[in-house]
Amino acid sequence: MLKEQPARASNGFMMIAVLLLAQILTVFLVVTMPPLIKLLALLAAIACFICWFGFYMVQPNQSAVLQLFGRYVGTDFVNGLRWANPFYSKQRVSLRVRNFESSKLKVNDHAGNPVDIAAVVVWKVVDSAEAVFEVEDYENFVSIQSEAAIRYLASSYPYEAVNEGDISLRSSGSEITDLLRSEIQNRLHKAGVEVIEARISHLAYAPIVTGK
């Protein structure tokens, strides 16, 4: 499994000053120096110009995953104007807390009764490298795996408890919430995602049971 590591990047404002001075100096040498030194200065000026493409922004609660020709080189978490190797690709990943609400799913509970169930999942990315590289599309992965976990939970417990003290979808609110969160988290740990909260937002017998 890929392990996230901090990227080697620099303060963008400092690099603006450095590159500006370097660009002025190389242009001056190109204009004033003999041919051989002028050629070297011209190459240095071109390299300096390319370095201007290394700037990027990192907003609060955001990270930038850096790659060099397909190889992961690190993640930058420092906010503000940043600079890194201009040949690095920079993929921004939001670390903000997000909500996902599933559609109403028709599932047979543990007793075989068809029920309609939906849930709200509160989550955030905690490992940017895993989110980018371990799964194809981590946002889509969250939605699909969350709905799979909801279906699994709904089929594992009855809508109504048969015996007093048994866990049921309707009566055991806190237990079901904890079980749902744990089940979703187990499915999402490979995607670098933390499930903060998961709770049932809709629960009812399907119309075929109620007769409506």
C-alpha atoms as a PDB file:
ATOM      1  CA  MET A   1       0.000   0.000   0.000  1.00  0.00           C
ATOM      2  CA  LEU A   2       1.284   3.468  -0.914  1.00  0.00           C
ATOM      3  CA  LYS A   3       2.502   5.499   2.064  1.00  0.00           C
ATOM      4  CA  GLU A   4       1.890   9.231   2.031  1.00  0.00           C
ATOM      5  CA  GLN A   5       4.943  11.450   2.483  1.00  0.00           C
ATOM      6  CA  PRO A   6       5.469  15.218   2.625  1.00  0.00           C
ATOM      7  CA  ALA A   7       6.537  16.839  -0.619  1.00  0.00           C
ATOM      8  CA  ARG A   8       9.636  18.948  -1.086  1.00  0.00           C
ATOM      9  CA  ALA A   9       8.210  22.330  -2.019  1.00  0.00           C
ATOM     10  CA  SER A  10       9.114  25.965  -1.375  1.00  0.00           C
ATOM     11  CA  ASN A  11       7.396  29.160  -0.379  1.00  0.00           C
ATOM     12  CA  GLY A  12       6.043  30.709  -3.560  1.00  0.00           C
ATOM     13  CA  PHE A  13       6.695  34.341  -2.639  1.00  0.00           C
ATOM     14  CA  MET A  14      10.344  33.594  -1.851  1.00  0.00           C
ATOM     15  CA  MET A  15      10.706  31.817  -5.191  1.00  0.00           C
ATOM     16  CA  ILE A  16       9.216  34.791  -7.040  1.00  0.00           C
ATOM     17  CA  ALA A  17      12.029  36.967  -5.700  1.00  0.00           C
ATOM     18  CA  VAL A  18      14.683  34.349  -6.483  1.00  0.00           C
ATOM     19  CA  LEU A  19      13.469  33.701 -10.012  1.00  0.00           C
ATOM     20  CA  LEU A  20      13.012  37.408 -10.757  1.00  0.00           C
ATOM     21  CA  LEU A  21      16.609  38.163  -9.765  1.00  0.00           C
ATOM     22  CA  ALA A  22      17.878  35.131 -11.688  1.00  0.00           C
ATOM     23  CA  GLN A  23      15.915  36.093 -14.797  1.00  0.00           C
ATOM     24  CA  ILE A  24      17.230  39.675 -14.728  1.00  0.00           C
ATOM     25  CA  LEU A  25      20.800  38.455 -14.259  1.00  0.00           C
ATOM     26  CA  THR A  26      20.670  35.925 -17.095  1.00  0.00           C
ATOM     27  CA  VAL A  27      19.150  38.446 -19.494  1.00  0.00           C
ATOM     28  CA  PHE A  28      21.860  40.945 -18.548  1.00  0.00           C
ATOM     29  CA  LEU A  29      24.574  38.351 -19.240  1.00  0.00           C
ATOM     30  CA  VAL A  30      23.014  37.464 -22.603  1.00  0.00           C
ATOM     31  CA  VAL A  31      23.118  41.111 -23.640  1.00  0.00           C
ATOM     32  CA  THR A  32      26.565  42.073 -22.343  1.00  0.00           C
ATOM     33  CA  MET A  33      28.825  38.987 -22.302  1.00  0.00           C
ATOM     34  CA  PRO A  34      31.049  37.397 -25.015  1.00  0.00           C
ATOM     35  CA  PRO A  35      29.527  34.678 -27.276  1.00  0.00           C
ATOM     36  CA  LEU A  36      30.457  31.616 -25.158  1.00  0.00           C
ATOM     37  CA  ILE A  37      29.233  33.100 -21.896  1.00  0.00           C
ATOM     38  CA  LYS A  38      26.240  34.509 -23.776  1.00  0.00           C
ATOM     39  CA  LEU A  39      25.287  30.979 -24.899  1.00  0.00           C
ATOM     40  CA  LEU A  40      25.528  29.621 -21.365  1.00  0.00           C
ATOM     41  CA  ALA A  41      23.546  32.584 -20.063  1.00  0.00           C
ATOM     42  CA  LEU A  42      20.886  31.977 -22.715  1.00  0.00           C
ATOM     43  CA  LEU A  43      20.507  28.352 -21.594  1.00  0.00           C
ATOM     44  CA  ALA A  44      20.285  29.527 -17.988  1.00  0.00           C
ATOM     45  CA  ALA A  45      17.642  32.102 -18.961  1.00  0.00           C
ATOM     46  CA  ILE A  46      15.552  29.398 -20.650  1.00  0.00           C
ATOM     47  CA  ALA A  47      15.842  27.157 -17.580  1.00  0.00           C
ATOM     48  CA  CYS A  48      14.843  30.077 -15.385  1.00  0.00           C
ATOM     49  CA  PHE A  49      11.829  30.766 -17.600  1.00  0.00           C
ATOM     50  CA  ILE A  50      10.696  27.124 -17.311  1.00  0.00           C
ATOM     51  CA  CYS A  51      10.919  27.396 -13.519  1.00  0.00           C
ATOM     52  CA  TRP A  52       8.139  29.998 -13.561  1.00  0.00           C
ATOM     53  CA  PHE A  53       5.703  27.165 -14.359  1.00  0.00           C
ATOM     54  CA  GLY A  54       6.371  25.548 -10.976  1.00  0.00           C
ATOM     55  CA  PHE A  55       3.964  27.777  -9.027  1.00  0.00           C
ATOM     56  CA  TYR A  56       0.664  26.490  -7.653  1.00  0.00           C
ATOM     57  CA  MET A  57      -1.846  27.310  -4.918  1.00  0.00           C
ATOM     58  CA  VAL A  58      -2.903  25.206  -1.941  1.00  0.00           C
ATOM     59  CA  GLN A  59      -6.099  26.417  -0.262  1.00  0.00           C
ATOM     60  CA  PRO A  60      -7.080  25.780   3.377  1.00  0.00           C
ATOM     61  CA  ASN A  61      -8.202  22.162   3.928  1.00  0.00           C
ATOM     62  CA  GLN A  62      -6.649  21.154   0.641  1.00  0.00           C
ATOM     63  CA  SER A  63      -3.569  19.192  -0.366  1.00  0.00           C
ATOM     64  CA  ALA A  64      -1.580  18.869  -3.568  1.00  0.00           C
ATOM     65  CA  VAL A  65      -0.391  15.429  -4.672  1.00  0.00           C
ATOM     66  CA  LEU A  66       2.814  15.776  -6.684  1.00  0.00           C
ATOM     67  CA  GLN A  67       3.985  13.328  -9.358  1.00  0.00           C
ATOM     68  CA  LEU A  68       7.036  13.260 -11.604  1.00  0.00           C
ATOM     69  CA  PHE A  69       6.277  11.454 -14.874  1.00  0.00           C
ATOM     70  CA  GLY A  70       3.818   9.136 -13.124  1.00  0.00           C
ATOM     71  CA  ARG A  71       5.905   8.575  -9.979  1.00  0.00           C
ATOM     72  CA  TYR A  72       4.513   9.796  -6.663  1.00  0.00           C
ATOM     73  CA  VAL A  73       6.967  12.211  -5.014  1.00  0.00           C
ATOM     74  CA  GLY A  74       4.959  13.604  -2.083  1.00  0.00           C
ATOM     75  CA  THR A  75       1.977  15.580  -0.839  1.00  0.00           C
ATOM     76  CA  ASP A  76       2.057  19.290  -0.029  1.00  0.00           C
ATOM     77  CA  PHE A  77      -0.244  20.383   2.808  1.00  0.00           C
ATOM     78  CA  VAL A  78       1.119  23.926   3.301  1.00  0.00           C
ATOM     79  CA  ASN A  79      -1.425  26.607   2.392  1.00  0.00           C
ATOM     80  CA  GLY A  80      -0.727  29.547   0.124  1.00  0.00           C
ATOM     81  CA  LEU A  81       1.409  30.165  -2.946  1.00  0.00           C
ATOM     82  CA  ARG A  82       3.845  27.262  -3.387  1.00  0.00           C
ATOM     83  CA  TRP A  83       6.607  26.296  -5.783  1.00  0.00           C
ATOM     84  CA  ALA A  84       7.949  22.891  -6.778  1.00  0.00           C
ATOM     85  CA  ASN A  85       9.732  21.315  -9.722  1.00  0.00           C
ATOM     86  CA  PRO A  86       7.916  22.625 -12.831  1.00  0.00           C
ATOM     87  CA  PHE A  87       7.876  19.099 -14.243  1.00  0.00           C
ATOM     88  CA  TYR A  88       5.801  17.880 -11.297  1.00  0.00           C
ATOM     89  CA  SER A  89       2.104  17.380 -11.967  1.00  0.00           C
ATOM     90  CA  LYS A  90      -0.012  18.775  -9.139  1.00  0.00           C
ATOM     91  CA  GLN A  91      -3.356  17.192  -8.327  1.00  0.00           C
ATOM     92  CA  ARG A  92      -5.376  18.996  -5.682  1.00  0.00           C
ATOM     93  CA  VAL A  93      -7.418  16.979  -3.199  1.00  0.00           C
ATOM     94  CA  SER A  94     -10.044  18.505  -0.906  1.00  0.00           C
ATOM     95  CA  LEU A  95      -9.664  17.599   2.773  1.00  0.00           C
ATOM     96  CA  ARG A  96     -12.956  19.244   3.715  1.00  0.00           C
ATOM     97  CA  VAL A  97     -15.741  17.349   5.468  1.00  0.00           C
ATOM     98  CA  ARG A  98     -18.398  16.184   2.993  1.00  0.00           C
ATOM     99  CA  ASN A  99     -21.886  14.698   3.102  1.00  0.00           C
ATOM    100  CA  PHE A 100     -23.188  11.828   1.038  1.00  0.00           C
ATOM    101  CA  GLU A 101     -26.854  10.822   1.116  1.00  0.00           C
ATOM    102  CA  SER A 102     -27.722   7.512  -0.453  1.00  0.00           C
ATOM    103  CA  SER A 103     -30.800   6.935  -2.546  1.00  0.00           C
ATOM    104  CA  LYS A 104     -33.687   4.999  -1.000  1.00  0.00           C
ATOM    105  CA  LEU A 105     -32.663   1.380  -1.320  1.00  0.00           C
ATOM    106  CA  LYS A 106     -35.085  -1.545  -1.366  1.00  0.00           C
ATOM    107  CA  VAL A 107     -33.611  -4.356   0.726  1.00  0.00           C
ATOM    108  CA  ASN A 108     -34.942  -7.479   2.428  1.00  0.00           C
ATOM    109  CA  ASP A 109     -34.217  -7.331   6.148  1.00  0.00           C
ATOM    110  CA  HIS A 110     -32.931 -10.315   8.129  1.00  0.00           C
ATOM    111  CA  ALA A 111     -36.482 -11.678   8.440  1.00  0.00           C
ATOM    112  CA  GLY A 112     -37.053 -11.382   4.688  1.00  0.00           C
ATOM    113  CA  ASN A 113     -39.326  -8.341   4.839  1.00  0.00           C
ATOM    114  CA  PRO A 114     -38.733  -5.746   2.096  1.00  0.00           C
ATOM    115  CA  VAL A 115     -37.803  -2.336   3.526  1.00  0.00           C
ATOM    116  CA  ASP A 116     -36.853   1.034   2.112  1.00  0.00           C
ATOM    117  CA  ILE A 117     -33.697   2.423   3.690  1.00  0.00           C
ATOM    118  CA  ALA A 118     -31.388   5.391   3.126  1.00  0.00           C
ATOM    119  CA  ALA A 119     -28.502   6.862   5.069  1.00  0.00           C
ATOM    120  CA  VAL A 120     -26.358   9.978   5.378  1.00  0.00           C
ATOM    121  CA  VAL A 121     -22.592   9.522   5.519  1.00  0.00           C
ATOM    122  CA  VAL A 122     -20.251  12.285   6.712  1.00  0.00           C
ATOM    123  CA  TRP A 123     -16.676  11.728   5.528  1.00  0.00           C
ATOM    124  CA  LYS A 124     -13.381  13.326   4.618  1.00  0.00           C
ATOM    125  CA  VAL A 125     -10.089  12.405   2.964  1.00  0.00           C
ATOM    126  CA  VAL A 126      -7.292  11.775   5.486  1.00  0.00           C
ATOM    127  CA  ASP A 127      -4.679  10.300   3.128  1.00  0.00           C
ATOM    128  CA  SER A 128      -4.450  12.132  -0.182  1.00  0.00           C
ATOM    129  CA  ALA A 129      -2.042   9.662  -1.774  1.00  0.00           C
ATOM    130  CA  GLU A 130      -4.305   6.685  -1.080  1.00  0.00           C
ATOM    131  CA  ALA A 131      -7.352   8.602  -2.317  1.00  0.00           C
ATOM    132  CA  VAL A 132      -5.629   9.379  -5.621  1.00  0.00           C
ATOM    133  CA  PHE A 133      -3.681   6.189  -6.287  1.00  0.00           C
ATOM    134  CA  GLU A 134      -5.407   3.299  -4.517  1.00  0.00           C
ATOM    135  CA  VAL A 135      -8.843   3.702  -6.145  1.00  0.00           C
ATOM    136  CA  GLU A 136      -9.958   4.926  -9.569  1.00  0.00           C
ATOM    137  CA  ASP A 137     -12.358   7.625  -8.347  1.00  0.00           C
ATOM    138  CA  TYR A 138     -12.517   8.021  -4.573  1.00  0.00           C
ATOM    139  CA  GLU A 139     -15.755  10.061  -4.563  1.00  0.00           C
ATOM    140  CA  ASN A 140     -17.553   7.421  -6.624  1.00  0.00           C
ATOM    141  CA  PHE A 141     -15.932   4.724  -4.480  1.00  0.00           C
ATOM    142  CA  VAL A 142     -17.401   6.325  -1.341  1.00  0.00           C
ATOM    143  CA  SER A 143     -20.920   6.377  -2.773  1.00  0.00           C
ATOM    144  CA  ILE A 144     -20.861   2.799  -4.112  1.00  0.00           C
ATOM    145  CA  GLN A 145     -19.271   1.256  -1.027  1.00  0.00           C
ATOM    146  CA  SER A 146     -21.545   3.220   1.316  1.00  0.00           C
ATOM    147  CA  GLU A 147     -24.654   1.903  -0.424  1.00  0.00           C
ATOM    148  CA  ALA A 148     -23.203  -1.614  -0.370  1.00  0.00           C
ATOM    149  CA  ALA A 149     -22.644  -1.287   3.389  1.00  0.00           C
ATOM    150  CA  ILE A 150     -26.206  -0.023   3.906  1.00  0.00           C
ATOM    151  CA  ARG A 151     -27.603  -3.004   2.002  1.00  0.00           C
ATOM    152  CA  TYR A 152     -25.442  -5.403   4.003  1.00  0.00           C
ATOM    153  CA  LEU A 153     -26.492  -3.882   7.335  1.00  0.00           C
ATOM    154  CA  ALA A 154     -30.180  -3.849   6.419  1.00  0.00           C
ATOM    155  CA  SER A 155     -30.079  -7.527   5.449  1.00  0.00           C
ATOM    156  CA  SER A 156     -28.254  -8.465   8.663  1.00  0.00           C
ATOM    157  CA  TYR A 157     -30.888  -7.244  11.148  1.00  0.00           C
ATOM    158  CA  PRO A 158     -34.693  -7.350  11.300  1.00  0.00           C
ATOM    159  CA  TYR A 159     -36.821  -4.254  10.932  1.00  0.00           C
ATOM    160  CA  GLU A 160     -38.555  -5.042  14.228  1.00  0.00           C
ATOM    161  CA  ALA A 161     -36.947  -6.940  17.121  1.00  0.00           C
ATOM    162  CA  VAL A 162     -38.475 -10.363  17.722  1.00  0.00           C
ATOM    163  CA  ASN A 163     -37.126 -10.713  21.255  1.00  0.00           C
ATOM    164  CA  GLU A 164     -36.575  -7.957  23.784  1.00  0.00           C
ATOM    165  CA  GLY A 165     -32.977  -6.789  23.723  1.00  0.00           C
ATOM    166  CA  ASP A 166     -32.296  -7.903  20.143  1.00  0.00           C
ATOM    167  CA  ILE A 167     -30.804  -5.355  17.756  1.00  0.00           C
ATOM    168  CA  SER A 168     -33.245  -4.135  15.119  1.00  0.00           C
ATOM    169  CA  LEU A 169     -33.145  -1.489  12.435  1.00  0.00           C
ATOM    170  CA  ARG A 170     -36.032   0.458  13.912  1.00  0.00           C
ATOM    171  CA  SER A 171     -35.417   0.310  17.671  1.00  0.00           C
ATOM    172  CA  SER A 172     -31.636   0.155  18.069  1.00  0.00           C
ATOM    173  CA  GLY A 173     -30.726   3.599  16.787  1.00  0.00           C
ATOM    174  CA  SER A 174     -27.323   4.079  18.435  1.00  0.00           C
ATOM    175  CA  GLU A 175     -26.195   0.484  17.856  1.00  0.00           C
ATOM    176  CA  ILE A 176     -27.209   0.557  14.192  1.00  0.00           C
ATOM    177  CA  THR A 177     -25.457   3.922  13.744  1.00  0.00           C
ATOM    178  CA  ASP A 178     -22.214   2.553  15.187  1.00  0.00           C
ATOM    179  CA  LEU A 179     -22.455  -0.646  13.153  1.00  0.00           C
ATOM    180  CA  LEU A 180     -23.158   1.269   9.949  1.00  0.00           C
ATOM    181  CA  ARG A 181     -20.230   3.625  10.480  1.00  0.00           C
ATOM    182  CA  SER A 182     -17.903   0.698  11.217  1.00  0.00           C
ATOM    183  CA  GLU A 183     -19.089  -1.256   8.165  1.00  0.00           C
ATOM    184  CA  ILE A 184     -18.608   1.705   5.827  1.00  0.00           C
ATOM    185  CA  GLN A 185     -15.200   2.532   7.310  1.00  0.00           C
ATOM    186  CA  ASN A 186     -13.999  -1.030   6.780  1.00  0.00           C
ATOM    187  CA  ARG A 187     -14.872  -0.731   3.100  1.00  0.00           C
ATOM    188  CA  LEU A 188     -13.256   2.691   2.644  1.00  0.00           C
ATOM    189  CA  HIS A 189      -9.962   2.380   4.514  1.00  0.00           C
ATOM    190  CA  LYS A 190      -8.103   1.582   1.264  1.00  0.00           C
ATOM    191  CA  ALA A 191      -9.259   4.886  -0.216  1.00  0.00           C
ATOM    192  CA  GLY A 192      -7.687   7.078   2.474  1.00  0.00           C
ATOM    193  CA  VAL A 193     -11.121   8.124   3.739  1.00  0.00           C
ATOM    194  CA  GLU A 194     -12.340   8.550   7.319  1.00  0.00           C
ATOM    195  CA  VAL A 195     -16.048   8.120   8.065  1.00  0.00           C
ATOM    196  CA  ILE A 196     -16.965  10.704  10.699  1.00  0.00           C
ATOM    197  CA  GLU A 197     -20.632   9.800  11.017  1.00  0.00           C
ATOM    198  CA  ALA A 198     -23.158   7.495   9.369  1.00  0.00           C
ATOM    199  CA  ARG A 199     -26.835   7.459  10.289  1.00  0.00           C
ATOM    200  CA  ILE A 200     -30.096   6.182   8.875  1.00  0.00           C
ATOM    201  CA  SER A 201     -32.070   9.008   7.269  1.00  0.00           C
ATOM    202  CA  HIS A 202     -35.037   6.961   6.029  1.00  0.00           C
ATOM    203  CA  LEU A 203     -36.420   3.635   7.164  1.00  0.00           C
ATOM    204  CA  ALA A 204     -39.830   2.103   6.398  1.00  0.00           C
ATOM    205  CA  TYR A 205     -41.451  -1.059   5.193  1.00  0.00           C
ATOM    206  CA  ALA A 206     -41.631  -1.142   1.424  1.00  0.00           C
ATOM    207  CA  PRO A 207     -45.114  -0.405  -0.052  1.00  0.00           C
ATOM    208  CA  ILE A 208     -45.574  -4.100  -0.842  1.00  0.00           C
ATOM    209  CA  VAL A 209     -45.638  -4.787   2.928  1.00  0.00           C
ATOM    210  CA  THR A 210     -47.738  -1.812   4.009  1.00  0.00           C
ATOM    211  CA  GLY A 211     -50.165  -2.343   1.144  1.00  0.00           C
ATOM    212  CA  LYS A 212     -49.893   1.267  -0.036  1.00  0.00           C
END
